[in-house]
N, C-alpha and C. Protein backbone atom coordinates (compact mmCIF):
# COMPACT_ATOMS: atom_id res chain seq x y z
N MET A 1 1.88 59.19 17.34
CA MET A 1 0.59 58.22 17.54
C MET A 1 1.09 57.99 19.13
N ASN A 2 0.21 58.28 20.26
CA ASN A 2 0.57 58.03 21.43
C ASN A 2 0.58 56.58 21.79
N TYR A 3 1.23 56.49 22.91
CA TYR A 3 1.09 54.89 23.54
C TYR A 3 0.26 54.26 23.81
N SER A 4 -0.77 54.58 24.47
CA SER A 4 -2.32 53.86 25.09
C SER A 4 -2.88 53.66 23.74
N VAL A 5 -3.13 54.47 22.38
CA VAL A 5 -3.57 54.16 21.49
C VAL A 5 -3.04 52.83 20.63
N MET A 6 -1.38 53.21 20.66
CA MET A 6 -1.12 51.92 20.35
C MET A 6 -1.25 50.88 20.96
N LYS A 7 -1.35 50.72 22.01
CA LYS A 7 -2.13 49.62 23.03
C LYS A 7 -2.83 48.94 22.93
N ARG A 8 -3.77 49.72 22.76
CA ARG A 8 -5.05 49.59 22.25
C ARG A 8 -5.35 48.87 20.75
N LEU A 9 -4.69 49.42 20.07
CA LEU A 9 -4.79 48.64 18.84
C LEU A 9 -3.64 47.08 18.81
N MET A 10 -2.93 47.09 19.61
CA MET A 10 -2.37 45.62 19.56
C MET A 10 -2.82 44.71 20.20
N PHE A 11 -3.69 45.43 21.31
CA PHE A 11 -4.82 44.48 22.21
C PHE A 11 -5.92 43.69 20.92
N LEU A 12 -6.52 44.76 20.35
CA LEU A 12 -7.56 44.42 19.52
C LEU A 12 -6.89 43.55 18.46
N LEU A 13 -5.94 44.20 18.32
CA LEU A 13 -5.57 43.05 17.05
C LEU A 13 -5.43 41.53 17.46
N THR A 14 -4.68 41.40 18.50
CA THR A 14 -4.46 40.10 19.30
C THR A 14 -5.71 39.49 19.54
N ILE A 15 -6.96 40.01 19.68
CA ILE A 15 -8.10 39.32 20.07
C ILE A 15 -8.62 38.92 18.49
N VAL A 16 -8.50 39.72 17.55
CA VAL A 16 -8.87 39.32 16.06
C VAL A 16 -8.37 38.11 15.73
N LEU A 17 -6.66 37.93 15.71
CA LEU A 17 -6.18 37.11 15.49
C LEU A 17 -6.53 36.10 16.38
N PHE A 18 -6.54 35.99 17.47
CA PHE A 18 -7.01 35.04 18.23
C PHE A 18 -8.40 34.26 17.69
N LEU A 19 -9.38 35.39 17.61
CA LEU A 19 -10.53 34.99 17.21
C LEU A 19 -10.40 33.90 15.60
N PHE A 20 -10.01 34.23 14.69
CA PHE A 20 -9.41 33.97 13.23
C PHE A 20 -8.86 32.83 13.79
N SER A 21 -7.62 32.23 14.52
CA SER A 21 -7.32 31.24 14.62
C SER A 21 -8.19 30.14 14.96
N VAL A 22 -9.25 30.34 16.35
CA VAL A 22 -9.91 29.26 16.59
C VAL A 22 -10.94 29.38 15.77
N SER A 23 -11.33 30.13 14.70
CA SER A 23 -12.61 29.74 14.05
C SER A 23 -11.67 28.73 12.87
N ALA A 24 -10.60 29.26 12.20
CA ALA A 24 -9.72 28.36 11.41
C ALA A 24 -9.80 26.88 11.71
N CYS A 25 -9.69 26.48 12.88
CA CYS A 25 -9.64 24.97 13.79
C CYS A 25 -10.90 24.26 13.27
N ARG A 26 -12.12 24.87 12.93
CA ARG A 26 -12.99 23.37 12.99
C ARG A 26 -13.02 23.27 11.61
N THR A 27 -13.47 21.99 11.43
CA THR A 27 -13.39 20.73 10.67
C THR A 27 -14.53 20.57 10.13
N THR A 28 -14.65 20.42 8.89
CA THR A 28 -15.77 20.04 7.70
C THR A 28 -16.34 18.89 7.95
N GLY A 29 -15.79 18.23 8.54
CA GLY A 29 -16.06 16.50 9.17
C GLY A 29 -15.61 15.22 8.06
N GLY A 30 -14.70 15.56 7.12
CA GLY A 30 -14.28 15.05 5.96
C GLY A 30 -13.12 14.41 6.48
N ALA A 31 -12.81 13.22 6.01
CA ALA A 31 -11.72 12.22 6.53
C ALA A 31 -10.74 11.90 5.40
N VAL A 32 -9.66 11.93 6.22
CA VAL A 32 -8.73 11.14 4.87
C VAL A 32 -7.76 9.90 5.64
N GLY A 33 -7.80 8.73 5.72
CA GLY A 33 -7.15 7.40 5.95
C GLY A 33 -6.58 7.03 5.13
N PHE A 34 -5.54 6.13 5.68
CA PHE A 34 -5.14 4.68 5.02
C PHE A 34 -4.78 3.90 6.32
N GLY A 35 -5.27 2.46 5.45
CA GLY A 35 -5.08 1.42 6.07
C GLY A 35 -4.08 0.42 5.49
N TRP A 36 -3.68 -0.62 6.34
CA TRP A 36 -2.50 -1.82 5.46
C TRP A 36 -3.08 -2.89 6.52
N GLY A 37 -2.73 -4.19 5.89
CA GLY A 37 -3.41 -5.41 6.38
C GLY A 37 -4.47 -5.45 6.18
N GLU A 38 -4.91 -6.68 6.69
CA GLU A 38 -6.22 -7.54 7.01
C GLU A 38 -7.20 -6.09 7.44
N GLY A 39 -8.44 -6.06 6.72
CA GLY A 39 -9.28 -5.33 7.03
C GLY A 39 -9.27 -4.05 6.52
N SER A 40 -8.15 -3.74 5.73
CA SER A 40 -7.96 -2.20 5.64
C SER A 40 -8.79 -1.67 4.38
N GLY A 41 -8.51 -3.12 3.82
CA GLY A 41 -8.90 -2.66 2.07
C GLY A 41 -8.12 -1.96 0.64
N TYR A 42 -6.97 -1.61 1.53
CA TYR A 42 -5.82 -0.50 0.62
C TYR A 42 -6.56 0.86 0.40
N GLY A 43 -6.92 1.31 1.34
CA GLY A 43 -7.08 3.12 1.25
C GLY A 43 -8.50 2.77 0.96
N HIS A 44 -9.46 1.82 0.99
CA HIS A 44 -11.03 1.70 0.76
C HIS A 44 -11.83 1.94 2.00
N HIS A 45 -12.81 2.30 1.95
CA HIS A 45 -13.41 2.50 3.35
C HIS A 45 -14.81 1.82 2.89
N HIS A 46 -15.09 0.65 4.18
CA HIS A 46 -16.35 -0.16 4.00
C HIS A 46 -17.08 -0.07 4.83
N GLU A 47 -18.50 0.19 4.55
CA GLU A 47 -19.44 0.33 5.05
C GLU A 47 -20.32 -1.10 5.08
N VAL A 48 -20.84 -1.21 6.43
CA VAL A 48 -21.63 -2.57 6.14
C VAL A 48 -23.02 -2.28 6.07
N LYS A 49 -23.64 -2.97 5.09
CA LYS A 49 -25.00 -2.64 5.25
C LYS A 49 -26.14 -4.01 5.29
N LYS A 50 -27.01 -3.57 6.36
CA LYS A 50 -27.60 -4.35 6.50
C LYS A 50 -28.47 -5.46 5.50
N GLY A 51 -28.50 -6.70 5.59
CA GLY A 51 -29.07 -7.68 4.50
C GLY A 51 -27.72 -7.84 3.64
N GLY A 52 -26.85 -7.12 3.22
CA GLY A 52 -25.94 -7.65 2.33
C GLY A 52 -24.83 -8.54 2.53
N PRO A 53 -23.99 -9.19 1.83
CA PRO A 53 -22.73 -9.54 2.07
C PRO A 53 -21.86 -8.64 3.25
N PRO A 54 -20.89 -9.09 3.73
CA PRO A 54 -19.85 -8.35 4.58
C PRO A 54 -18.97 -7.95 3.64
N PRO A 55 -18.26 -6.90 3.99
CA PRO A 55 -17.47 -6.26 3.50
C PRO A 55 -16.23 -7.13 2.44
N HIS A 56 -15.65 -8.06 3.19
CA HIS A 56 -15.10 -8.95 2.49
C HIS A 56 -15.11 -9.80 1.33
N ALA A 57 -16.78 -9.79 1.12
CA ALA A 57 -16.88 -11.05 0.48
C ALA A 57 -17.05 -10.39 -0.89
N PRO A 58 -17.14 -10.91 -2.05
CA PRO A 58 -16.82 -10.74 -3.11
C PRO A 58 -18.41 -9.98 -3.44
N ALA A 59 -18.10 -9.19 -4.40
CA ALA A 59 -19.68 -8.46 -4.90
C ALA A 59 -20.37 -8.80 -6.16
N HIS A 60 -21.07 -9.18 -5.81
CA HIS A 60 -21.85 -10.10 -7.21
C HIS A 60 -20.85 -10.81 -8.08
N GLY A 61 -20.07 -12.00 -7.39
CA GLY A 61 -18.72 -12.59 -8.16
C GLY A 61 -17.61 -11.94 -8.08
N TYR A 62 -17.87 -11.10 -7.64
CA TYR A 62 -16.54 -9.96 -8.15
C TYR A 62 -15.85 -10.26 -6.92
N ARG A 63 -14.14 -10.45 -7.26
CA ARG A 63 -12.95 -10.24 -6.02
C ARG A 63 -11.95 -9.82 -6.90
N ALA A 64 -11.28 -8.70 -5.87
CA ALA A 64 -10.35 -8.08 -6.56
C ALA A 64 -9.18 -8.81 -6.70
N LYS A 65 -8.66 -8.51 -8.14
CA LYS A 65 -7.55 -9.26 -8.36
C LYS A 65 -6.18 -8.24 -8.23
N TYR A 66 -4.86 -9.04 -7.50
CA TYR A 66 -3.46 -7.86 -7.87
C TYR A 66 -2.63 -8.77 -8.49
N ASN A 67 -1.80 -8.09 -9.34
CA ASN A 67 -0.92 -9.11 -10.44
C ASN A 67 0.69 -8.61 -9.48
N TYR A 68 1.49 -9.39 -9.39
CA TYR A 68 2.60 -9.08 -8.88
C TYR A 68 3.87 -10.17 -9.95
N ARG A 69 4.94 -9.23 -10.05
CA ARG A 69 6.16 -10.05 -10.39
C ARG A 69 6.65 -11.05 -9.44
N TYR A 70 6.98 -12.24 -9.19
CA TYR A 70 7.57 -12.94 -8.24
C TYR A 70 8.92 -13.28 -8.87
N TYR A 71 10.18 -12.77 -8.15
CA TYR A 71 11.55 -12.90 -8.37
C TYR A 71 11.99 -13.96 -7.45
N PRO A 72 11.91 -15.39 -8.25
CA PRO A 72 12.75 -16.70 -7.82
C PRO A 72 14.07 -16.43 -7.26
N SER A 73 15.02 -15.58 -7.80
CA SER A 73 15.92 -16.12 -7.19
C SER A 73 16.66 -14.83 -5.85
N CYS A 74 15.59 -14.55 -5.70
CA CYS A 74 15.74 -13.33 -4.29
C CYS A 74 14.66 -13.22 -3.59
N SER A 75 13.51 -13.94 -3.98
CA SER A 75 12.23 -14.21 -2.96
C SER A 75 11.70 -12.90 -2.48
N VAL A 76 11.54 -12.22 -3.88
CA VAL A 76 10.73 -10.64 -3.78
C VAL A 76 9.93 -10.68 -4.56
N TYR A 77 8.87 -9.83 -4.03
CA TYR A 77 7.60 -9.59 -5.00
C TYR A 77 7.55 -8.29 -5.42
N TYR A 78 6.67 -7.91 -6.29
CA TYR A 78 6.45 -6.58 -6.85
C TYR A 78 5.45 -6.38 -7.18
N ASP A 79 4.53 -4.95 -6.76
CA ASP A 79 3.14 -4.67 -6.96
C ASP A 79 3.28 -3.75 -7.76
N ASP A 80 3.07 -3.81 -9.43
CA ASP A 80 3.47 -2.80 -10.17
C ASP A 80 2.27 -1.29 -9.84
N TYR A 81 1.31 -1.66 -9.60
CA TYR A 81 0.02 -1.14 -9.82
C TYR A 81 0.40 0.37 -8.21
N ARG A 82 0.84 -0.82 -7.21
CA ARG A 82 0.84 0.00 -5.78
C ARG A 82 2.28 0.60 -5.61
N LYS A 83 3.01 0.37 -6.54
CA LYS A 83 4.58 0.20 -6.66
C LYS A 83 5.71 -0.07 -5.44
N LEU A 84 5.06 -1.77 -5.02
CA LEU A 84 5.78 -1.71 -3.65
C LEU A 84 6.39 -3.08 -3.64
N TYR A 85 7.60 -3.22 -3.20
CA TYR A 85 8.01 -4.53 -3.09
C TYR A 85 8.00 -5.15 -1.64
N PHE A 86 7.89 -6.28 -1.70
CA PHE A 86 7.41 -7.31 -0.74
C PHE A 86 8.83 -8.19 -0.61
N TYR A 87 10.03 -8.08 0.41
CA TYR A 87 11.22 -8.93 0.16
C TYR A 87 11.14 -9.51 1.69
N LEU A 88 11.79 -10.81 2.11
CA LEU A 88 12.08 -11.30 3.42
C LEU A 88 13.61 -10.38 3.50
N GLU A 89 13.31 -10.26 5.15
CA GLU A 89 14.26 -9.71 5.95
C GLU A 89 14.31 -10.57 7.32
N GLY A 90 15.32 -11.65 7.15
CA GLY A 90 15.33 -12.40 8.30
C GLY A 90 13.76 -13.40 8.10
N PRO A 91 13.51 -13.36 9.15
CA PRO A 91 12.15 -14.38 9.29
C PRO A 91 10.88 -13.46 9.02
N SER A 92 10.91 -12.16 8.86
CA SER A 92 9.63 -11.39 8.57
C SER A 92 9.99 -10.80 7.21
N TRP A 93 8.66 -10.31 6.52
CA TRP A 93 8.46 -9.92 5.66
C TRP A 93 8.25 -8.50 5.71
N ARG A 94 8.96 -7.60 4.74
CA ARG A 94 8.95 -5.98 4.78
C ARG A 94 8.25 -5.76 3.74
N ILE A 95 7.77 -4.82 3.29
CA ILE A 95 7.17 -3.61 2.38
C ILE A 95 7.60 -2.21 2.42
N ALA A 96 8.07 -2.33 1.03
CA ALA A 96 9.13 -0.97 0.89
C ALA A 96 8.65 -0.42 -0.61
N ALA A 97 8.79 1.04 -0.71
CA ALA A 97 8.77 1.43 -2.15
C ALA A 97 10.31 1.28 -2.97
N SER A 98 11.13 0.96 -2.23
CA SER A 98 12.17 0.36 -2.84
C SER A 98 12.92 -0.98 -1.89
N LEU A 99 13.91 -1.77 -2.47
CA LEU A 99 14.47 -2.56 -2.04
C LEU A 99 15.75 -2.14 -1.08
N PRO A 100 16.36 -2.96 -0.42
CA PRO A 100 17.57 -2.37 0.21
C PRO A 100 18.57 -2.73 -0.79
N HIS A 101 19.78 -2.37 -0.37
CA HIS A 101 20.84 -2.14 -1.44
C HIS A 101 21.65 -3.57 -1.28
N SER A 102 21.32 -4.59 -0.29
CA SER A 102 21.81 -6.01 -0.06
C SER A 102 20.88 -7.01 -1.07
N ILE A 103 20.05 -6.44 -1.64
CA ILE A 103 18.63 -7.03 -2.48
C ILE A 103 19.34 -6.69 -3.97
N GLN A 104 19.41 -7.55 -4.99
CA GLN A 104 19.87 -7.39 -5.99
C GLN A 104 18.82 -7.86 -7.07
N LEU A 105 17.80 -7.81 -7.70
CA LEU A 105 17.16 -8.66 -8.94
C LEU A 105 17.85 -9.15 -9.59
N GLY A 106 18.43 -9.05 -10.15
CA GLY A 106 19.92 -9.31 -11.25
C GLY A 106 18.94 -9.84 -12.60
N SER A 107 19.44 -10.55 -13.52
CA SER A 107 19.20 -11.12 -14.56
C SER A 107 18.22 -12.27 -14.45
N GLY A 108 17.90 -12.77 -13.50
CA GLY A 108 17.17 -13.93 -12.88
C GLY A 108 15.93 -14.02 -13.58
N GLY A 109 15.03 -12.87 -14.05
CA GLY A 109 14.09 -13.13 -14.54
C GLY A 109 12.53 -13.11 -13.28
N PHE A 110 11.30 -12.94 -13.50
CA PHE A 110 10.20 -12.94 -12.88
C PHE A 110 9.47 -13.85 -13.39
N VAL A 111 8.34 -13.90 -12.42
CA VAL A 111 6.97 -14.50 -12.87
C VAL A 111 5.93 -13.88 -12.76
N SER A 112 4.92 -13.86 -13.56
CA SER A 112 3.86 -13.01 -13.17
C SER A 112 2.83 -13.79 -12.42
N ILE A 113 2.34 -13.08 -11.37
CA ILE A 113 1.43 -13.87 -10.79
C ILE A 113 0.06 -12.91 -10.24
N GLU A 114 -1.17 -13.52 -10.46
CA GLU A 114 -2.38 -13.22 -10.07
C GLU A 114 -2.90 -13.62 -9.13
N MET A 115 -3.41 -12.82 -7.81
CA MET A 115 -3.86 -13.47 -6.80
C MET A 115 -5.18 -12.24 -6.35
N GLY A 116 -6.17 -12.90 -5.34
CA GLY A 116 -6.85 -12.45 -4.84
C GLY A 116 -6.50 -11.73 -3.82
N SER A 117 -5.12 -11.58 -3.24
CA SER A 117 -4.43 -11.14 -1.89
C SER A 117 -3.53 -10.14 -2.15
N ASP A 118 -3.81 -8.67 -1.07
CA ASP A 118 -2.87 -7.73 -1.10
C ASP A 118 -1.74 -8.42 -0.38
N ARG A 119 -1.53 -9.28 0.18
CA ARG A 119 -0.11 -9.81 0.61
C ARG A 119 0.38 -11.62 0.17
N PRO A 120 0.77 -10.87 -0.96
CA PRO A 120 1.41 -11.88 -2.01
C PRO A 120 1.87 -13.09 -0.97
N TYR A 121 3.20 -12.94 -0.18
CA TYR A 121 3.79 -13.46 0.89
C TYR A 121 2.64 -14.73 1.66
N ILE A 122 1.99 -14.50 1.39
CA ILE A 122 0.94 -15.72 2.36
C ILE A 122 1.01 -16.54 1.43
N HIS A 123 1.42 -17.03 0.43
CA HIS A 123 1.66 -18.18 -0.75
C HIS A 123 3.07 -18.23 -0.95
N TYR A 124 4.09 -17.81 -0.36
CA TYR A 124 5.66 -17.66 -0.51
C TYR A 124 5.94 -19.40 -0.51
N GLU A 125 5.54 -20.23 0.21
CA GLU A 125 5.77 -21.35 0.12
C GLU A 125 5.23 -22.01 -0.68
N GLU A 126 4.28 -21.85 -1.17
CA GLU A 126 3.98 -22.40 -2.57
C GLU A 126 4.69 -22.07 -3.97
N HIS A 127 4.91 -20.62 -3.77
CA HIS A 127 5.31 -20.27 -5.15
C HIS A 127 6.76 -20.71 -5.21
N LYS A 128 7.70 -20.97 -3.84
CA LYS A 128 9.19 -21.03 -4.03
C LYS A 128 9.07 -22.57 -4.74
N ARG A 129 8.35 -23.61 -4.05
CA ARG A 129 8.24 -24.83 -4.52
C ARG A 129 7.76 -24.88 -6.12
N LYS A 130 6.75 -23.81 -6.90
CA LYS A 130 6.71 -24.09 -7.81
C LYS A 130 7.60 -23.54 -8.58
N TYR A 131 7.99 -22.52 -8.36
CA TYR A 131 9.12 -21.65 -9.13
C TYR A 131 10.68 -21.69 -8.63
N PRO A 132 11.34 -22.69 -8.38
CA PRO A 132 12.66 -22.56 -8.14
C PRO A 132 13.59 -21.79 -8.79
N PRO A 133 14.42 -20.88 -8.24
CA PRO A 133 15.25 -20.05 -9.16
C PRO A 133 16.17 -21.07 -10.30
N GLY A 134 15.73 -20.17 -11.17
CA GLY A 134 16.90 -20.89 -12.50
C GLY A 134 15.96 -22.19 -12.92
N GLN A 135 14.75 -22.94 -12.83
CA GLN A 135 14.43 -24.26 -12.94
C GLN A 135 13.54 -24.30 -14.29
N TYR A 136 12.84 -23.14 -13.93
CA TYR A 136 11.60 -23.37 -15.20
C TYR A 136 11.64 -22.45 -16.44
N LYS A 137 12.78 -21.24 -16.47
CA LYS A 137 13.27 -20.27 -16.93
C LYS A 137 12.64 -20.66 -18.63
N LYS A 138 13.20 -21.82 -18.96
CA LYS A 138 12.91 -22.55 -20.60
C LYS A 138 11.40 -22.31 -20.82
N LYS A 139 10.72 -23.15 -20.03
CA LYS A 139 9.28 -23.80 -19.80
C LYS A 139 8.60 -22.58 -19.94
N TYR A 140 8.71 -21.48 -19.30
CA TYR A 140 7.72 -20.27 -19.01
C TYR A 140 7.95 -19.51 -20.29
N LYS A 141 9.26 -18.90 -20.45
CA LYS A 141 9.55 -18.23 -21.46
C LYS A 141 8.71 -18.77 -22.29
N LYS A 142 8.85 -20.14 -23.12
CA LYS A 142 7.75 -20.40 -23.70
C LYS A 142 6.17 -20.12 -23.82
N LYS A 143 5.67 -20.34 -22.71
CA LYS A 143 4.11 -19.85 -22.68
C LYS A 143 4.43 -18.37 -22.19
N ASN A 144 5.09 -17.66 -22.18
CA ASN A 144 5.34 -16.12 -21.91
C ASN A 144 4.76 -15.78 -20.66
N LYS A 145 4.65 -17.13 -19.92
CA LYS A 145 4.44 -16.48 -18.15
C LYS A 145 5.79 -15.98 -17.89
N TRP A 146 7.05 -16.53 -18.05
CA TRP A 146 8.39 -16.45 -17.51
C TRP A 146 9.01 -15.01 -18.16
N LEU A 147 9.20 -13.88 -17.66
CA LEU A 147 9.24 -12.67 -18.05
C LEU A 147 10.66 -12.50 -17.78
N GLY A 148 11.73 -12.05 -18.39
CA GLY A 148 13.45 -11.66 -17.69
C GLY A 148 14.17 -11.09 -18.70
């Protein structure tokens, strides 16, 4: 094969690859997103419909419920459904799939809490007063609310 034919084939191959790569960049209009915090709805897309309730309002009396394990001995919340821990680090709340080594859940037990918020720490002061570490263990074991 002579050099000019090979050069033309390489040029043609380069153009074909370029056209193929440009056409592969088109999108189909789909979208993937993840949100966290107020207004995100934890991975759900909300559409505002005219004449209906706003997205944050309960639909026909239904409000999402979130179940947490609250560990009073170390001020930690755990969401078993989302597999997330909520814990204090200094003055701020952190959210992670695992706890730092400095926090040990230990044998103090936990309280099961159901609420309508994806941010359990907004009720932390109330929970801290209601469930002090070690104070209600016997009382809640009798009612099957304290699990440890």
